[in-house]
Amino acid sequence: MKEWKILRNSLPETIYVRAYEERMDLLRAVIVGAAGTPYHDGLFFFDFAFPPDYPNSPPKAYYHSHGYHLNPNLYSDGKVCLSLLNTWNGEKEARWNPCKSTILQVLVSLQGLVLNEKPCYNEPDRRHSQNKKLSKRYNSMMFLLSCRTMLVLLRRPPRSFEGFVHDHFCTRANFILQAFKANTDCSAAFGHYQDNVSHSFFEGSVKLHQKTKLYLELETAFTKNTASRVKYETQTLSKRSLSIGLVGAGRMHGLV
């Protein structure tokens, strides 16, 4: 409950969480990709489970990857590699401290340190690199993977965040499509990053027709999403019901 109060008062505007009222040891969060990063306007979902001895031990985290490895710290199997979660051997002051660390710090770290503007340098052997060309290619690849993640979320939004996902993409659809058009480097590499194989950086290249196909898929999905939301709102107003039902097993606290 202490952690929940901290989240209510201090969460950034682009991070949202929900917790089960009957299972306060579980938390689901969504982080909106920040502007200036290859993740901008994307939605990134994380589930957290607080162990019985919390806060002596950090929460367990799971990332909803949908099979994509779009960051060196976020694996396609859902693993989250972060010093604050004790899943990476970082410096002592960066690791979980039972007396000071909070779930808020974890969420802010994921947004600011992991989903950052130059994720290529999150790899230990590239941390001090200045290879701008490599970083640019990596960013282009990550943006395209982020777009593929958007398609998955529109088709299968996470439970209890269905309305949030649809509303977000209704609002940001045009901005995302504009950003896609601006991402014109057709030679940008695309594919899953290879775990633990730093020299094998890319699996292939994005051809122009592949990017065009992805763009059209996004455009179609956004159009259908907007139409479905308008239809839903019209039906809701016609019934004169302004209540919003929360879907899920057990009651959940509202979106923070």
C-alpha atoms as a PDB file:
ATOM      1  CA  MET A   1       0.000   0.000   0.000  1.00  0.00           C
ATOM      2  CA  LYS A   2       2.927   2.319   0.653  1.00  0.00           C
ATOM      3  CA  GLU A   3       4.257   1.626  -2.835  1.00  0.00           C
ATOM      4  CA  TRP A   4       0.811   2.236  -4.319  1.00  0.00           C
ATOM      5  CA  LYS A   5       0.614   5.660  -2.671  1.00  0.00           C
ATOM      6  CA  ILE A   6       4.051   6.545  -4.078  1.00  0.00           C
ATOM      7  CA  LEU A   7       2.865   5.583  -7.562  1.00  0.00           C
ATOM      8  CA  ARG A   8      -0.323   7.620  -7.231  1.00  0.00           C
ATOM      9  CA  ASN A   9       1.620  10.742  -6.301  1.00  0.00           C
ATOM     10  CA  SER A  10       4.777  10.451  -8.390  1.00  0.00           C
ATOM     11  CA  LEU A  11       4.226   8.496 -11.608  1.00  0.00           C
ATOM     12  CA  PRO A  12       5.292  10.338 -14.787  1.00  0.00           C
ATOM     13  CA  GLU A  13       2.455  11.127 -17.188  1.00  0.00           C
ATOM     14  CA  THR A  14       3.634   8.487 -19.654  1.00  0.00           C
ATOM     15  CA  ILE A  15       3.646   5.515 -17.261  1.00  0.00           C
ATOM     16  CA  TYR A  16       0.414   3.826 -16.158  1.00  0.00           C
ATOM     17  CA  VAL A  17      -0.147   0.971 -13.718  1.00  0.00           C
ATOM     18  CA  ARG A  18      -2.911  -1.265 -12.445  1.00  0.00           C
ATOM     19  CA  ALA A  19      -2.955  -3.604  -9.470  1.00  0.00           C
ATOM     20  CA  TYR A  20      -5.381  -6.302  -8.385  1.00  0.00           C
ATOM     21  CA  GLU A  21      -7.292  -5.357  -5.262  1.00  0.00           C
ATOM     22  CA  GLU A  22      -7.283  -8.984  -4.120  1.00  0.00           C
ATOM     23  CA  ARG A  23      -3.682  -9.632  -5.191  1.00  0.00           C
ATOM     24  CA  MET A  24      -1.664  -6.580  -4.251  1.00  0.00           C
ATOM     25  CA  ASP A  25       1.510  -8.563  -4.940  1.00  0.00           C
ATOM     26  CA  LEU A  26       0.792  -8.272  -8.686  1.00  0.00           C
ATOM     27  CA  LEU A  27       1.151  -5.182 -10.840  1.00  0.00           C
ATOM     28  CA  ARG A  28       0.831  -4.489 -14.555  1.00  0.00           C
ATOM     29  CA  ALA A  29       2.412  -1.405 -16.060  1.00  0.00           C
ATOM     30  CA  VAL A  30       2.554   0.193 -19.487  1.00  0.00           C
ATOM     31  CA  ILE A  31       5.248   2.641 -20.518  1.00  0.00           C
ATOM     32  CA  VAL A  32       4.682   4.990 -23.446  1.00  0.00           C
ATOM     33  CA  GLY A  33       7.799   5.338 -25.576  1.00  0.00           C
ATOM     34  CA  ALA A  34       9.307   8.802 -25.188  1.00  0.00           C
ATOM     35  CA  ALA A  35       9.738  11.317 -27.997  1.00  0.00           C
ATOM     36  CA  GLY A  36      13.215  11.375 -29.489  1.00  0.00           C
ATOM     37  CA  THR A  37      13.651   7.605 -29.114  1.00  0.00           C
ATOM     38  CA  PRO A  38      13.019   4.800 -31.620  1.00  0.00           C
ATOM     39  CA  TYR A  39      10.227   3.715 -29.267  1.00  0.00           C
ATOM     40  CA  HIS A  40       8.198   6.924 -29.383  1.00  0.00           C
ATOM     41  CA  ASP A  41       4.429   6.441 -29.154  1.00  0.00           C
ATOM     42  CA  GLY A  42       4.852   2.691 -28.688  1.00  0.00           C
ATOM     43  CA  LEU A  43       3.315   0.881 -25.713  1.00  0.00           C
ATOM     44  CA  PHE A  44       5.501  -1.437 -23.644  1.00  0.00           C
ATOM     45  CA  PHE A  45       3.860  -3.702 -21.080  1.00  0.00           C
ATOM     46  CA  PHE A  46       5.472  -5.183 -17.982  1.00  0.00           C
ATOM     47  CA  ASP A  47       4.108  -7.489 -15.274  1.00  0.00           C
ATOM     48  CA  PHE A  48       5.576  -7.434 -11.769  1.00  0.00           C
ATOM     49  CA  ALA A  49       5.244  -9.905  -8.910  1.00  0.00           C
ATOM     50  CA  PHE A  50       6.332  -8.830  -5.440  1.00  0.00           C
ATOM     51  CA  PRO A  51       8.001 -11.678  -3.487  1.00  0.00           C
ATOM     52  CA  PRO A  52       6.866 -12.531   0.070  1.00  0.00           C
ATOM     53  CA  ASP A  53       9.955 -10.878   1.575  1.00  0.00           C
ATOM     54  CA  TYR A  54       9.569  -7.650  -0.405  1.00  0.00           C
ATOM     55  CA  PRO A  55      11.285  -5.175  -0.181  1.00  0.00           C
ATOM     56  CA  ASN A  56      14.227  -7.314   0.930  1.00  0.00           C
ATOM     57  CA  SER A  57      14.142  -8.794  -2.562  1.00  0.00           C
ATOM     58  CA  PRO A  58      13.282  -6.851  -5.734  1.00  0.00           C
ATOM     59  CA  PRO A  59      10.088  -7.546  -7.679  1.00  0.00           C
ATOM     60  CA  LYS A  60      10.139 -10.147 -10.431  1.00  0.00           C
ATOM     61  CA  ALA A  61       9.560  -8.609 -13.849  1.00  0.00           C
ATOM     62  CA  TYR A  62       8.194  -9.949 -17.116  1.00  0.00           C
ATOM     63  CA  TYR A  63       8.186  -7.996 -20.368  1.00  0.00           C
ATOM     64  CA  HIS A  64       5.480  -8.630 -22.983  1.00  0.00           C
ATOM     65  CA  SER A  65       7.782  -8.961 -25.984  1.00  0.00           C
ATOM     66  CA  HIS A  66       5.383 -10.676 -28.415  1.00  0.00           C
ATOM     67  CA  GLY A  67       8.436 -12.475 -29.723  1.00  0.00           C
ATOM     68  CA  TYR A  68      10.433  -9.325 -30.573  1.00  0.00           C
ATOM     69  CA  HIS A  69      13.811  -8.413 -29.120  1.00  0.00           C
ATOM     70  CA  LEU A  70      13.726  -4.660 -29.524  1.00  0.00           C
ATOM     71  CA  ASN A  71      16.237  -3.675 -26.861  1.00  0.00           C
ATOM     72  CA  PRO A  72      19.464  -5.210 -25.455  1.00  0.00           C
ATOM     73  CA  ASN A  73      17.837  -5.194 -21.992  1.00  0.00           C
ATOM     74  CA  LEU A  74      14.504  -6.693 -23.021  1.00  0.00           C
ATOM     75  CA  TYR A  75      14.610 -10.270 -24.255  1.00  0.00           C
ATOM     76  CA  SER A  76      12.142 -12.022 -26.521  1.00  0.00           C
ATOM     77  CA  ASP A  77      11.401 -14.548 -23.731  1.00  0.00           C
ATOM     78  CA  GLY A  78      10.239 -11.746 -21.419  1.00  0.00           C
ATOM     79  CA  LYS A  79      13.414 -11.390 -19.370  1.00  0.00           C
ATOM     80  CA  VAL A  80      14.178  -7.864 -18.153  1.00  0.00           C
ATOM     81  CA  CYS A  81      17.883  -7.208 -17.702  1.00  0.00           C
ATOM     82  CA  LEU A  82      18.288  -4.364 -15.197  1.00  0.00           C
ATOM     83  CA  SER A  83      20.712  -3.773 -12.326  1.00  0.00           C
ATOM     84  CA  LEU A  84      17.928  -2.427 -10.120  1.00  0.00           C
ATOM     85  CA  LEU A  85      16.134  -5.777 -10.431  1.00  0.00           C
ATOM     86  CA  ASN A  86      19.364  -7.661  -9.703  1.00  0.00           C
ATOM     87  CA  THR A  87      19.150  -9.286 -13.137  1.00  0.00           C
ATOM     88  CA  TRP A  88      22.355  -7.606 -14.279  1.00  0.00           C
ATOM     89  CA  ASN A  89      25.685  -7.355 -12.479  1.00  0.00           C
ATOM     90  CA  GLY A  90      25.846  -3.590 -12.308  1.00  0.00           C
ATOM     91  CA  GLU A  91      27.645  -1.448  -9.783  1.00  0.00           C
ATOM     92  CA  LYS A  92      26.559  -1.855  -6.167  1.00  0.00           C
ATOM     93  CA  GLU A  93      24.860   1.532  -5.952  1.00  0.00           C
ATOM     94  CA  ALA A  94      22.757   0.650  -9.026  1.00  0.00           C
ATOM     95  CA  ARG A  95      21.420  -2.602  -7.555  1.00  0.00           C
ATOM     96  CA  TRP A  96      18.313  -3.106  -5.434  1.00  0.00           C
ATOM     97  CA  ASN A  97      18.507  -1.513  -1.985  1.00  0.00           C
ATOM     98  CA  PRO A  98      15.740  -2.711   0.397  1.00  0.00           C
ATOM     99  CA  CYS A  99      15.941   0.567   2.327  1.00  0.00           C
ATOM    100  CA  LYS A 100      15.642   2.904  -0.653  1.00  0.00           C
ATOM    101  CA  SER A 101      14.529   1.184  -3.836  1.00  0.00           C
ATOM    102  CA  THR A 102      10.890   1.269  -5.015  1.00  0.00           C
ATOM    103  CA  ILE A 103       8.820   0.009  -7.921  1.00  0.00           C
ATOM    104  CA  LEU A 104       8.599   3.637  -9.076  1.00  0.00           C
ATOM    105  CA  GLN A 105      12.378   3.688  -9.525  1.00  0.00           C
ATOM    106  CA  VAL A 106      12.155   0.474 -11.553  1.00  0.00           C
ATOM    107  CA  LEU A 107       9.539   1.938 -13.895  1.00  0.00           C
ATOM    108  CA  VAL A 108      11.392   5.225 -14.356  1.00  0.00           C
ATOM    109  CA  SER A 109      14.628   3.319 -15.015  1.00  0.00           C
ATOM    110  CA  LEU A 110      12.948   1.193 -17.666  1.00  0.00           C
ATOM    111  CA  GLN A 111      11.671   4.284 -19.415  1.00  0.00           C
ATOM    112  CA  GLY A 112      14.759   6.465 -19.090  1.00  0.00           C
ATOM    113  CA  LEU A 113      17.659   4.003 -19.111  1.00  0.00           C
ATOM    114  CA  VAL A 114      16.338   1.127 -21.206  1.00  0.00           C
ATOM    115  CA  LEU A 115      13.894   2.648 -23.699  1.00  0.00           C
ATOM    116  CA  ASN A 116      16.275   5.503 -24.429  1.00  0.00           C
ATOM    117  CA  GLU A 117      17.309   7.433 -27.551  1.00  0.00           C
ATOM    118  CA  LYS A 118      20.405   5.311 -28.225  1.00  0.00           C
ATOM    119  CA  PRO A 119      19.574   1.743 -27.104  1.00  0.00           C
ATOM    120  CA  CYS A 120      22.419   0.318 -29.200  1.00  0.00           C
ATOM    121  CA  TYR A 121      24.830   1.494 -26.504  1.00  0.00           C
ATOM    122  CA  ASN A 122      22.997  -0.464 -23.811  1.00  0.00           C
ATOM    123  CA  GLU A 123      25.156  -3.415 -24.820  1.00  0.00           C
ATOM    124  CA  PRO A 124      28.146  -3.567 -22.416  1.00  0.00           C
ATOM    125  CA  ASP A 125      30.714  -3.833 -25.200  1.00  0.00           C
ATOM    126  CA  ARG A 126      29.247  -0.781 -26.955  1.00  0.00           C
ATOM    127  CA  ARG A 127      28.648   1.417 -23.933  1.00  0.00           C
ATOM    128  CA  HIS A 128      31.547   3.720 -24.769  1.00  0.00           C
ATOM    129  CA  SER A 129      31.282   3.387 -28.531  1.00  0.00           C
ATOM    130  CA  GLN A 130      30.756   6.374 -30.805  1.00  0.00           C
ATOM    131  CA  ASN A 131      29.651   4.433 -33.877  1.00  0.00           C
ATOM    132  CA  LYS A 132      26.863   6.773 -34.960  1.00  0.00           C
ATOM    133  CA  LYS A 133      26.137   4.865 -38.166  1.00  0.00           C
ATOM    134  CA  LEU A 134      25.606   1.633 -36.252  1.00  0.00           C
ATOM    135  CA  SER A 135      23.407   3.394 -33.705  1.00  0.00           C
ATOM    136  CA  LYS A 136      21.285   4.940 -36.465  1.00  0.00           C
ATOM    137  CA  ARG A 137      20.763   1.587 -38.157  1.00  0.00           C
ATOM    138  CA  TYR A 138      19.882  -0.008 -34.838  1.00  0.00           C
ATOM    139  CA  ASN A 139      17.359   2.753 -34.087  1.00  0.00           C
ATOM    140  CA  SER A 140      15.722   2.253 -37.467  1.00  0.00           C
ATOM    141  CA  MET A 141      15.402  -1.460 -36.799  1.00  0.00           C
ATOM    142  CA  MET A 142      13.983  -0.898 -33.307  1.00  0.00           C
ATOM    143  CA  PHE A 143      11.389   1.561 -34.597  1.00  0.00           C
ATOM    144  CA  LEU A 144      10.145  -0.970 -37.144  1.00  0.00           C
ATOM    145  CA  LEU A 145       9.968  -3.680 -34.487  1.00  0.00           C
ATOM    146  CA  SER A 146       8.078  -1.256 -32.267  1.00  0.00           C
ATOM    147  CA  CYS A 147       5.583  -0.764 -35.112  1.00  0.00           C
ATOM    148  CA  ARG A 148       5.144  -4.530 -35.376  1.00  0.00           C
ATOM    149  CA  THR A 149       4.474  -4.612 -31.642  1.00  0.00           C
ATOM    150  CA  MET A 150       1.761  -1.983 -32.141  1.00  0.00           C
ATOM    151  CA  LEU A 151       0.002  -4.287 -34.600  1.00  0.00           C
ATOM    152  CA  VAL A 152       0.042  -7.123 -32.075  1.00  0.00           C
ATOM    153  CA  LEU A 153      -1.327  -4.876 -29.321  1.00  0.00           C
ATOM    154  CA  LEU A 154      -4.178  -3.660 -31.503  1.00  0.00           C
ATOM    155  CA  ARG A 155      -5.138  -7.235 -32.305  1.00  0.00           C
ATOM    156  CA  ARG A 156      -4.681  -8.578 -28.771  1.00  0.00           C
ATOM    157  CA  PRO A 157      -4.545  -5.778 -26.192  1.00  0.00           C
ATOM    158  CA  PRO A 158      -3.473  -6.882 -22.687  1.00  0.00           C
ATOM    159  CA  ARG A 159      -6.286  -7.639 -20.291  1.00  0.00           C
ATOM    160  CA  SER A 160      -7.694  -4.635 -18.443  1.00  0.00           C
ATOM    161  CA  PHE A 161      -5.880  -2.258 -20.791  1.00  0.00           C
ATOM    162  CA  GLU A 162      -8.087  -2.790 -23.847  1.00  0.00           C
ATOM    163  CA  GLY A 163      -9.642   0.674 -23.759  1.00  0.00           C
ATOM    164  CA  PHE A 164      -6.335   2.335 -22.972  1.00  0.00           C
ATOM    165  CA  VAL A 165      -4.608   0.692 -25.957  1.00  0.00           C
ATOM    166  CA  HIS A 166      -7.350   1.619 -28.399  1.00  0.00           C
ATOM    167  CA  ASP A 167      -7.607   5.213 -27.141  1.00  0.00           C
ATOM    168  CA  HIS A 168      -3.845   5.691 -27.300  1.00  0.00           C
ATOM    169  CA  PHE A 169      -3.585   4.596 -30.911  1.00  0.00           C
ATOM    170  CA  CYS A 170      -6.648   6.624 -31.882  1.00  0.00           C
ATOM    171  CA  THR A 171      -4.838   9.700 -30.587  1.00  0.00           C
ATOM    172  CA  ARG A 172      -1.343   8.927 -31.850  1.00  0.00           C
ATOM    173  CA  ALA A 173      -2.022   7.125 -35.147  1.00  0.00           C
ATOM    174  CA  ASN A 174      -1.239  10.063 -37.443  1.00  0.00           C
ATOM    175  CA  PHE A 175       1.959  10.914 -35.564  1.00  0.00           C
ATOM    176  CA  ILE A 176       3.154   7.310 -35.811  1.00  0.00           C
ATOM    177  CA  LEU A 177       2.449   7.148 -39.544  1.00  0.00           C
ATOM    178  CA  GLN A 178       4.282  10.436 -40.080  1.00  0.00           C
ATOM    179  CA  ALA A 179       7.260   9.095 -38.158  1.00  0.00           C
ATOM    180  CA  PHE A 180       7.180   5.958 -40.289  1.00  0.00           C
ATOM    181  CA  LYS A 181       7.352   8.022 -43.474  1.00  0.00           C
ATOM    182  CA  ALA A 182      10.288   9.950 -42.044  1.00  0.00           C
ATOM    183  CA  ASN A 183      12.108   6.677 -41.419  1.00  0.00           C
ATOM    184  CA  THR A 184      13.188   6.437 -45.065  1.00  0.00           C
ATOM    185  CA  ASP A 185      16.479   4.560 -44.724  1.00  0.00           C
ATOM    186  CA  CYS A 186      15.421   1.543 -46.755  1.00  0.00           C
ATOM    187  CA  SER A 187      18.745  -0.182 -46.177  1.00  0.00           C
ATOM    188  CA  ALA A 188      18.148  -0.228 -42.431  1.00  0.00           C
ATOM    189  CA  ALA A 189      18.673  -3.628 -40.957  1.00  0.00           C
ATOM    190  CA  PHE A 190      15.682  -5.475 -39.589  1.00  0.00           C
ATOM    191  CA  GLY A 191      15.168  -8.624 -37.557  1.00  0.00           C
ATOM    192  CA  HIS A 192      15.673 -10.043 -34.110  1.00  0.00           C
ATOM    193  CA  TYR A 193      18.814  -9.126 -32.277  1.00  0.00           C
ATOM    194  CA  GLN A 194      20.874 -12.216 -31.586  1.00  0.00           C
ATOM    195  CA  ASP A 195      21.208 -12.940 -27.868  1.00  0.00           C
ATOM    196  CA  ASN A 196      24.812 -13.160 -26.698  1.00  0.00           C
ATOM    197  CA  VAL A 197      26.184 -12.824 -30.261  1.00  0.00           C
ATOM    198  CA  SER A 198      27.338  -9.238 -30.403  1.00  0.00           C
ATOM    199  CA  HIS A 199      29.142  -9.591 -33.735  1.00  0.00           C
ATOM    200  CA  SER A 200      26.047 -10.973 -35.465  1.00  0.00           C
ATOM    201  CA  PHE A 201      24.121  -7.760 -35.232  1.00  0.00           C
ATOM    202  CA  PHE A 202      21.458  -8.096 -37.922  1.00  0.00           C
ATOM    203  CA  GLU A 203      19.595 -10.905 -39.604  1.00  0.00           C
ATOM    204  CA  GLY A 204      18.699  -9.138 -42.825  1.00  0.00           C
ATOM    205  CA  SER A 205      17.696  -5.942 -44.509  1.00  0.00           C
ATOM    206  CA  VAL A 206      14.361  -4.257 -44.913  1.00  0.00           C
ATOM    207  CA  LYS A 207      13.407  -3.937 -48.542  1.00  0.00           C
ATOM    208  CA  LEU A 208      11.267  -1.075 -49.749  1.00  0.00           C
ATOM    209  CA  HIS A 209       8.293  -3.343 -50.434  1.00  0.00           C
ATOM    210  CA  GLN A 210       8.552  -4.788 -46.918  1.00  0.00           C
ATOM    211  CA  LYS A 211       8.425  -1.344 -45.358  1.00  0.00           C
ATOM    212  CA  THR A 212       5.536  -0.394 -47.618  1.00  0.00           C
ATOM    213  CA  LYS A 213       3.642  -3.511 -46.567  1.00  0.00           C
ATOM    214  CA  LEU A 214       4.218  -2.774 -42.872  1.00  0.00           C
ATOM    215  CA  TYR A 215       3.082   0.824 -43.365  1.00  0.00           C
ATOM    216  CA  LEU A 216      -0.136  -0.294 -45.048  1.00  0.00           C
ATOM    217  CA  GLU A 217      -0.773  -2.811 -42.266  1.00  0.00           C
ATOM    218  CA  LEU A 218      -0.387  -0.072 -39.680  1.00  0.00           C
ATOM    219  CA  GLU A 219      -2.606   2.315 -41.603  1.00  0.00           C
ATOM    220  CA  THR A 220      -5.336  -0.310 -41.947  1.00  0.00           C
ATOM    221  CA  ALA A 221      -5.110  -1.305 -38.274  1.00  0.00           C
ATOM    222  CA  PHE A 222      -5.299   2.323 -37.119  1.00  0.00           C
ATOM    223  CA  THR A 223      -8.308   2.973 -39.358  1.00  0.00           C
ATOM    224  CA  LYS A 224     -10.163  -0.075 -38.021  1.00  0.00           C
ATOM    225  CA  ASN A 225      -9.235   0.883 -34.468  1.00  0.00           C
ATOM    226  CA  THR A 226     -10.616   4.401 -34.852  1.00  0.00           C
ATOM    227  CA  ALA A 227     -13.822   3.089 -36.414  1.00  0.00           C
ATOM    228  CA  SER A 228     -14.326   0.576 -33.611  1.00  0.00           C
ATOM    229  CA  ARG A 229     -13.812   3.228 -30.949  1.00  0.00           C
ATOM    230  CA  VAL A 230     -16.306   5.598 -32.596  1.00  0.00           C
ATOM    231  CA  LYS A 231     -18.843   2.784 -32.822  1.00  0.00           C
ATOM    232  CA  TYR A 232     -18.277   1.859 -29.180  1.00  0.00           C
ATOM    233  CA  GLU A 233     -18.643   5.451 -27.994  1.00  0.00           C
ATOM    234  CA  THR A 234     -21.811   5.919 -30.034  1.00  0.00           C
ATOM    235  CA  GLN A 235     -23.364   2.779 -28.569  1.00  0.00           C
ATOM    236  CA  THR A 236     -22.331   3.782 -25.081  1.00  0.00           C
ATOM    237  CA  LEU A 237     -23.849   7.235 -25.370  1.00  0.00           C
ATOM    238  CA  SER A 238     -27.039   5.819 -26.826  1.00  0.00           C
ATOM    239  CA  LYS A 239     -27.416   3.677 -23.725  1.00  0.00           C
ATOM    240  CA  ARG A 240     -26.609   6.704 -21.555  1.00  0.00           C
ATOM    241  CA  SER A 241     -24.049   4.731 -19.640  1.00  0.00           C
ATOM    242  CA  LEU A 242     -20.840   6.459 -18.602  1.00  0.00           C
ATOM    243  CA  SER A 243     -19.472   3.627 -16.501  1.00  0.00           C
ATOM    244  CA  ILE A 244     -16.256   1.897 -17.540  1.00  0.00           C
ATOM    245  CA  GLY A 245     -16.058  -1.787 -16.714  1.00  0.00           C
ATOM    246  CA  LEU A 246     -12.730  -3.352 -15.806  1.00  0.00           C
ATOM    247  CA  VAL A 247     -12.116  -6.755 -17.364  1.00  0.00           C
ATOM    248  CA  GLY A 248     -10.101  -9.329 -15.492  1.00  0.00           C
ATOM    249  CA  ALA A 249      -9.978 -11.933 -12.795  1.00  0.00           C
ATOM    250  CA  GLY A 250     -10.739 -10.115  -9.564  1.00  0.00           C
ATOM    251  CA  ARG A 251     -11.281  -6.426  -9.036  1.00  0.00           C
ATOM    252  CA  MET A 252      -8.541  -4.101 -10.054  1.00  0.00           C
ATOM    253  CA  HIS A 253      -7.565  -0.636  -8.962  1.00  0.00           C
ATOM    254  CA  GLY A 254      -8.142   1.966 -11.633  1.00  0.00           C
ATOM    255  CA  LEU A 255      -5.502   3.215 -14.000  1.00  0.00           C
ATOM    256  CA  VAL A 256      -2.971   5.458 -12.260  1.00  0.00           C
END
